[in-house]
Amino acid sequence: MKPSVAAEAKRQQLRQRLAEPGLIVAPGVFDMISARIADRMGFDMLYMTGYGAVASYLGLPDAGLASYTDMVNRAGAFAQGTNTPLIADADTGYGGLLNVAHTVRGYEAGGVAGIQIEDQEFPKKCGHTPGRRVIAMQDMANKVRVACEARSSPDFLIVARTDARTNLGLDEALRRMEAYERAGADILFVESPETPEEMARIAKHFDKPVLINNVEGGRTPLLGREELTQMGFKLAIFPGTAFLAAGHALERAYGALRKDGSSRAVAGELYEFEAFSRLMGFEAVWEFDRAHAEIQRSDKPA
């Protein structure tokens, strides 16, 4: 399948950025509102959070309950509705090797710049929650290899993640990541290290770009840009920041409505309505109406 010109340009843009100095900080996006806002902020990359996408779309936990169709449709909407390159969570690849190949082709057709696949058993669970189990290392290496073979664009990135650290220890996680690196992964992701010392060891262990997952309230310490850069990380994703902020703001606004029967108490905390309308694309609607006002008048019955 021939990739779209716009999608391929964004993939090349991200591939080039990976080769340049400096940490790439990527906010998590979980719906089209968060995607549009993040897209205007000047980030080098956006990250579609599986946790947030499942929660916002289905109101369910990120525990293997969303299907391939659920997720690829969300990823495609985010990618096509923004100008910033997007890497999307693709869970375990939604099955065996044939499923992984199908997943890569579907996400690529949707316009994303890359996907993240992980070595958890199905059903998978959010990486900072308990009860995660991993498949055999070679089975995941085979998934990574098939994912690389299935892409039509060489700039479509494959992020390989291991969840082995929590139950099997850091040495096993690093051993697995070495295997996934040999299998062709473009970006390496050891989920939920628990100390700065572990983080530094991970970042310096590999030649390829290494990603760190920053979850407020999760297992991994939250460090600053300078510290992460000095350690050697290339990408820092913040999947939960936006939906945690949105949840807090919604509770505050709904609480005011419940208490006062009015939104006046939180009026100063709200996005300005006209600006939000422009964010959602109403300006193009207004321009269209102005340009076709005479035609629309003539369509009305006499």
Protein backbone atom coordinates (compact mmCIF):
# COMPACT_ATOMS: atom_id res chain seq x y z
CA MET A 1 0.00 0.00 0.00
CA LYS A 2 1.40 3.35 -1.05
CA PRO A 3 1.62 5.75 1.93
CA SER A 4 0.00 9.17 1.66
CA VAL A 5 2.33 12.07 0.92
CA ALA A 6 1.42 13.88 4.14
CA ALA A 7 1.86 10.79 6.31
CA GLU A 8 5.19 9.96 4.73
CA ALA A 9 6.42 13.52 5.21
CA LYS A 10 5.62 13.31 8.93
CA ARG A 11 7.44 9.96 9.20
CA GLN A 12 10.51 11.39 7.53
CA GLN A 13 10.30 14.43 9.80
CA LEU A 14 10.33 12.26 12.92
CA ARG A 15 13.07 9.98 11.61
CA GLN A 16 15.22 13.05 10.96
CA ARG A 17 14.47 14.46 14.40
CA LEU A 18 15.61 11.21 16.00
CA ALA A 19 18.99 11.67 14.35
CA GLU A 20 19.39 15.17 15.79
CA PRO A 21 20.61 16.06 19.31
CA GLY A 22 18.21 16.68 22.15
CA LEU A 23 15.46 14.89 24.03
CA ILE A 24 12.10 14.45 22.29
CA VAL A 25 9.28 15.13 24.76
CA ALA A 26 5.94 13.72 23.60
CA PRO A 27 2.59 14.41 25.30
CA GLY A 28 -0.03 11.72 25.48
CA VAL A 29 -3.18 12.34 23.45
CA PHE A 30 -6.35 10.39 24.14
CA ASP A 31 -9.12 12.04 22.11
CA MET A 32 -9.39 14.57 19.30
CA ILE A 33 -9.62 17.54 21.65
CA SER A 34 -6.35 16.64 23.37
CA ALA A 35 -4.78 15.83 19.99
CA ARG A 36 -5.74 19.20 18.48
CA ILE A 37 -4.51 21.14 21.50
CA ALA A 38 -1.18 19.25 21.64
CA ASP A 39 -0.76 19.64 17.89
CA ARG A 40 -0.65 23.44 18.29
CA MET A 41 2.01 23.40 21.02
CA GLY A 42 5.12 22.80 18.91
CA PHE A 43 6.03 19.28 20.07
CA ASP A 44 8.23 17.12 17.85
CA MET A 45 5.98 14.10 18.37
CA LEU A 46 2.63 13.07 19.85
CA TYR A 47 1.96 9.75 21.58
CA MET A 48 -1.42 8.01 21.47
CA THR A 49 -1.85 6.52 24.93
CA GLY A 50 -3.63 3.19 25.01
CA TYR A 51 -4.80 3.78 28.58
CA GLY A 52 -6.31 7.15 27.70
CA ALA A 53 -7.73 6.12 24.33
CA VAL A 54 -9.50 3.09 25.81
CA ALA A 55 -10.77 5.10 28.79
CA SER A 56 -12.10 7.97 26.67
CA TYR A 57 -13.59 5.81 23.91
CA LEU A 58 -14.96 2.83 25.84
CA GLY A 59 -14.85 3.90 29.49
CA LEU A 60 -12.93 0.71 30.28
CA PRO A 61 -9.53 -0.12 31.81
CA ASP A 62 -6.49 -0.68 29.61
CA ALA A 63 -6.58 -4.44 30.15
CA GLY A 64 -6.81 -5.94 26.66
CA LEU A 65 -10.51 -5.09 26.29
CA ALA A 66 -10.15 -2.80 23.25
CA SER A 67 -9.94 -4.51 19.87
CA TYR A 68 -7.59 -3.85 16.97
CA THR A 69 -10.47 -2.10 15.19
CA ASP A 70 -11.14 0.16 18.18
CA MET A 71 -7.52 1.21 18.39
CA VAL A 72 -6.60 1.55 14.72
CA ASN A 73 -9.64 3.76 14.12
CA ARG A 74 -8.66 6.04 16.99
CA ALA A 75 -5.03 6.17 15.85
CA GLY A 76 -6.05 7.02 12.30
CA ALA A 77 -8.31 9.85 13.46
CA PHE A 78 -5.55 11.33 15.62
CA ALA A 79 -2.91 11.05 12.88
CA GLN A 80 -5.10 12.47 10.12
CA GLY A 81 -6.42 15.27 12.31
CA THR A 82 -3.00 16.62 13.31
CA ASN A 83 0.18 17.86 11.66
CA THR A 84 2.63 16.47 14.25
CA PRO A 85 4.07 12.96 13.82
CA LEU A 86 2.23 10.44 16.00
CA ILE A 87 3.42 7.18 17.53
CA ALA A 88 0.51 5.01 18.62
CA ASP A 89 0.12 2.24 21.16
CA ALA A 90 -0.64 -1.06 19.40
CA ASP A 91 -0.63 -3.23 22.53
CA THR A 92 0.66 -6.76 21.77
CA GLY A 93 -0.04 -6.56 18.04
CA TYR A 94 -3.48 -8.10 18.68
CA GLY A 95 -2.50 -11.74 18.26
CA GLY A 96 0.12 -13.87 16.52
CA LEU A 97 2.55 -13.02 13.77
CA LEU A 98 -0.10 -12.67 11.07
CA ASN A 99 -2.04 -10.31 13.32
CA VAL A 100 1.10 -8.24 13.89
CA ALA A 101 1.63 -7.84 10.15
CA HIS A 102 -2.02 -6.84 9.72
CA THR A 103 -1.70 -4.37 12.60
CA VAL A 104 1.35 -2.67 11.08
CA ARG A 105 -0.34 -2.29 7.71
CA GLY A 106 -3.52 -0.92 9.28
CA TYR A 107 -1.78 1.65 11.45
CA GLU A 108 0.48 2.66 8.59
CA ALA A 109 -2.52 3.13 6.28
CA GLY A 110 -4.08 5.29 9.01
CA GLY A 111 -1.21 7.74 8.77
CA VAL A 112 0.66 7.19 12.03
CA ALA A 113 4.44 7.57 12.12
CA GLY A 114 5.06 4.42 14.12
CA ILE A 115 3.66 1.93 16.62
CA GLN A 116 4.63 0.53 19.99
CA ILE A 117 4.24 -3.22 20.56
CA GLU A 118 4.92 -5.00 23.84
CA ASP A 119 5.85 -8.47 25.05
CA GLN A 120 2.99 -9.00 27.48
CA GLU A 121 0.74 -12.04 27.46
CA PHE A 122 -2.81 -11.44 26.26
CA PRO A 123 -4.83 -9.86 27.77
CA LYS A 124 -2.28 -7.11 28.36
CA LYS A 125 -2.45 -4.60 31.20
CA CYS A 126 -1.30 -1.02 31.70
CA GLY A 127 2.45 -0.99 32.31
CA HIS A 128 2.32 0.65 35.73
CA THR A 129 -0.29 -1.71 37.18
CA PRO A 130 0.29 -5.12 38.81
CA GLY A 131 -0.31 -8.57 37.35
CA ARG A 132 1.61 -8.26 34.07
CA ARG A 133 3.13 -11.39 32.53
CA VAL A 134 5.37 -11.62 29.47
CA ILE A 135 5.58 -14.07 26.58
CA ALA A 136 8.74 -15.93 25.61
CA MET A 137 11.53 -13.63 24.47
CA GLN A 138 11.89 -15.30 21.07
CA ASP A 139 8.15 -15.01 20.41
CA MET A 140 8.36 -11.26 20.89
CA ALA A 141 11.54 -11.00 18.81
CA ASN A 142 9.64 -12.73 16.02
CA LYS A 143 6.84 -10.17 16.36
CA VAL A 144 9.34 -7.33 16.04
CA ARG A 145 10.92 -8.93 12.97
CA VAL A 146 7.53 -9.42 11.29
CA ALA A 147 6.51 -5.86 12.14
CA CYS A 148 9.63 -4.52 10.42
CA GLU A 149 9.01 -6.71 7.37
CA ALA A 150 5.33 -5.70 7.10
CA ARG A 151 5.84 -1.93 6.87
CA SER A 152 5.85 -0.42 3.41
CA SER A 153 7.68 2.73 4.50
CA PRO A 154 11.20 2.39 5.92
CA ASP A 155 10.46 5.50 8.00
CA PHE A 156 7.54 3.85 9.81
CA LEU A 157 8.99 3.31 13.29
CA ILE A 158 8.71 0.16 15.38
CA VAL A 159 8.95 0.72 19.13
CA ALA A 160 9.61 -2.50 21.05
CA ARG A 161 8.61 -2.56 24.71
CA THR A 162 9.32 -5.11 27.41
CA ASP A 163 7.34 -5.41 30.62
CA ALA A 164 9.79 -7.92 32.13
CA ARG A 165 11.34 -5.54 34.68
CA THR A 166 8.55 -5.73 37.26
CA ASN A 167 8.35 -9.51 37.72
CA LEU A 168 11.59 -10.83 36.21
CA GLY A 169 14.07 -8.07 37.05
CA LEU A 170 16.14 -5.54 35.15
CA ASP A 171 18.77 -7.99 33.85
CA GLU A 172 16.07 -10.01 32.10
CA ALA A 173 14.48 -6.84 30.72
CA LEU A 174 17.81 -5.75 29.23
CA ARG A 175 18.43 -9.20 27.77
CA ARG A 176 15.06 -9.11 26.07
CA MET A 177 15.61 -5.62 24.78
CA GLU A 178 18.90 -6.72 23.22
CA ALA A 179 17.01 -9.43 21.34
CA TYR A 180 14.37 -6.97 20.14
CA GLU A 181 17.12 -4.60 19.03
CA ARG A 182 18.68 -7.40 16.95
CA ALA A 183 15.25 -8.15 15.50
CA GLY A 184 15.14 -4.63 14.02
CA ALA A 185 13.29 -2.40 16.48
CA ASP A 186 13.94 1.29 15.84
CA ILE A 187 13.24 2.49 19.40
CA LEU A 188 13.71 0.53 22.64
CA PHE A 189 11.40 0.79 25.65
CA VAL A 190 11.93 -0.89 29.02
CA GLU A 191 8.70 -0.30 30.93
CA SER A 192 8.61 0.89 34.56
CA PRO A 193 12.17 1.03 35.91
CA GLU A 194 11.95 1.94 39.58
CA THR A 195 15.02 4.04 40.43
CA PRO A 196 17.18 6.69 38.73
CA GLU A 197 20.05 4.18 38.78
CA GLU A 198 17.98 1.67 36.81
CA MET A 199 16.96 4.38 34.38
CA ALA A 200 20.56 5.42 33.75
CA ARG A 201 21.61 1.82 33.20
CA ILE A 202 18.86 1.30 30.63
CA ALA A 203 19.57 4.50 28.71
CA LYS A 204 23.29 3.78 28.33
CA HIS A 205 22.91 0.10 27.48
CA PHE A 206 21.86 0.46 23.84
CA ASP A 207 23.03 2.13 20.66
CA LYS A 208 19.52 2.74 19.32
CA PRO A 209 17.19 5.45 20.70
CA VAL A 210 15.76 4.59 24.12
CA LEU A 211 12.35 5.76 25.37
CA ILE A 212 11.31 6.45 28.96
CA ASN A 213 7.66 6.35 30.05
CA ASN A 214 6.72 9.02 32.61
CA VAL A 215 3.50 8.28 34.49
CA GLU A 216 2.45 10.57 37.30
CA GLY A 217 1.85 8.28 40.29
CA GLY A 218 3.49 5.34 38.50
CA ARG A 219 6.53 3.20 39.30
CA THR A 220 9.17 5.31 37.55
CA PRO A 221 10.64 8.48 39.13
CA LEU A 222 9.70 11.68 37.30
CA LEU A 223 12.90 13.48 36.29
CA GLY A 224 13.54 16.66 34.33
CA ARG A 225 14.64 17.15 30.75
CA GLU A 226 18.29 17.76 31.68
CA GLU A 227 18.53 14.64 33.85
CA LEU A 228 16.93 12.42 31.20
CA THR A 229 19.19 13.84 28.51
CA GLN A 230 22.32 13.28 30.59
CA MET A 231 21.26 9.70 31.24
CA GLY A 232 21.04 9.14 27.49
CA PHE A 233 17.32 8.88 26.78
CA LYS A 234 16.12 10.06 23.38
CA LEU A 235 12.36 10.11 23.92
CA ALA A 236 10.24 10.88 26.98
CA ILE A 237 6.52 10.17 26.72
CA PHE A 238 3.94 11.51 29.19
CA PRO A 239 0.87 9.41 28.39
CA GLY A 240 -1.25 10.26 31.42
CA THR A 241 -0.59 13.96 31.99
CA ALA A 242 -3.44 15.20 29.79
CA PHE A 243 -6.20 12.85 30.88
CA LEU A 244 -5.25 13.26 34.55
CA ALA A 245 -5.39 17.04 34.09
CA ALA A 246 -8.71 16.78 32.25
CA GLY A 247 -10.20 14.55 34.92
CA HIS A 248 -9.20 16.99 37.65
CA ALA A 249 -10.63 19.96 35.73
CA LEU A 250 -13.89 18.15 34.99
CA GLU A 251 -14.40 17.23 38.63
CA ARG A 252 -13.86 20.86 39.57
CA ALA A 253 -16.30 22.16 36.94
CA TYR A 254 -18.99 19.53 37.54
CA GLY A 255 -18.63 20.06 41.29
CA ALA A 256 -19.36 23.75 40.86
CA LEU A 257 -22.45 22.96 38.78
CA ARG A 258 -23.69 20.46 41.34
CA LYS A 259 -23.11 22.84 44.24
CA ASP A 260 -24.23 26.16 42.77
CA GLY A 261 -26.41 25.23 39.82
CA SER A 262 -24.14 27.51 37.77
CA SER A 263 -20.66 27.56 36.23
CA ARG A 264 -19.89 31.10 37.43
CA ALA A 265 -17.46 29.88 40.12
CA VAL A 266 -15.19 28.30 37.49
CA ALA A 267 -15.78 30.72 34.61
CA GLY A 268 -12.21 32.01 34.81
CA GLU A 269 -10.82 28.48 34.48
CA LEU A 270 -12.61 27.62 31.24
CA TYR A 271 -11.30 27.67 27.66
CA GLU A 272 -12.74 30.72 25.89
CA PHE A 273 -15.69 29.54 23.78
CA GLU A 274 -14.82 31.29 20.51
CA ALA A 275 -11.20 30.16 20.73
CA PHE A 276 -12.35 26.58 21.34
CA SER A 277 -14.67 26.82 18.33
CA ARG A 278 -11.71 27.88 16.21
CA LEU A 279 -9.66 25.00 17.63
CA MET A 280 -12.34 22.57 16.46
CA GLY A 281 -12.36 24.03 12.94
CA PHE A 282 -15.44 26.24 12.98
CA GLU A 283 -13.50 29.02 11.30
CA ALA A 284 -13.51 27.00 8.06
CA VAL A 285 -17.28 26.54 8.42
CA TRP A 286 -17.77 30.29 8.87
CA GLU A 287 -15.60 31.01 5.82
CA PHE A 288 -17.53 28.46 3.76
CA ASP A 289 -20.84 30.02 4.78
CA ARG A 290 -19.61 33.49 3.81
CA ALA A 291 -18.30 32.28 0.45
CA HIS A 292 -21.54 30.47 -0.40
CA ALA A 293 -24.04 32.79 1.24
CA GLU A 294 -25.69 33.78 -2.04
CA ILE A 295 -26.04 30.16 -3.19
CA GLN A 296 -27.51 29.13 0.14
CA ARG A 297 -30.08 31.94 -0.06
CA SER A 298 -31.14 30.84 -3.54
CA ASP A 299 -31.70 27.29 -2.27
CA LYS A 300 -34.48 28.43 0.05
CA PRO A 301 -38.05 27.98 -1.25
CA ALA A 302 -39.80 31.11 -2.52
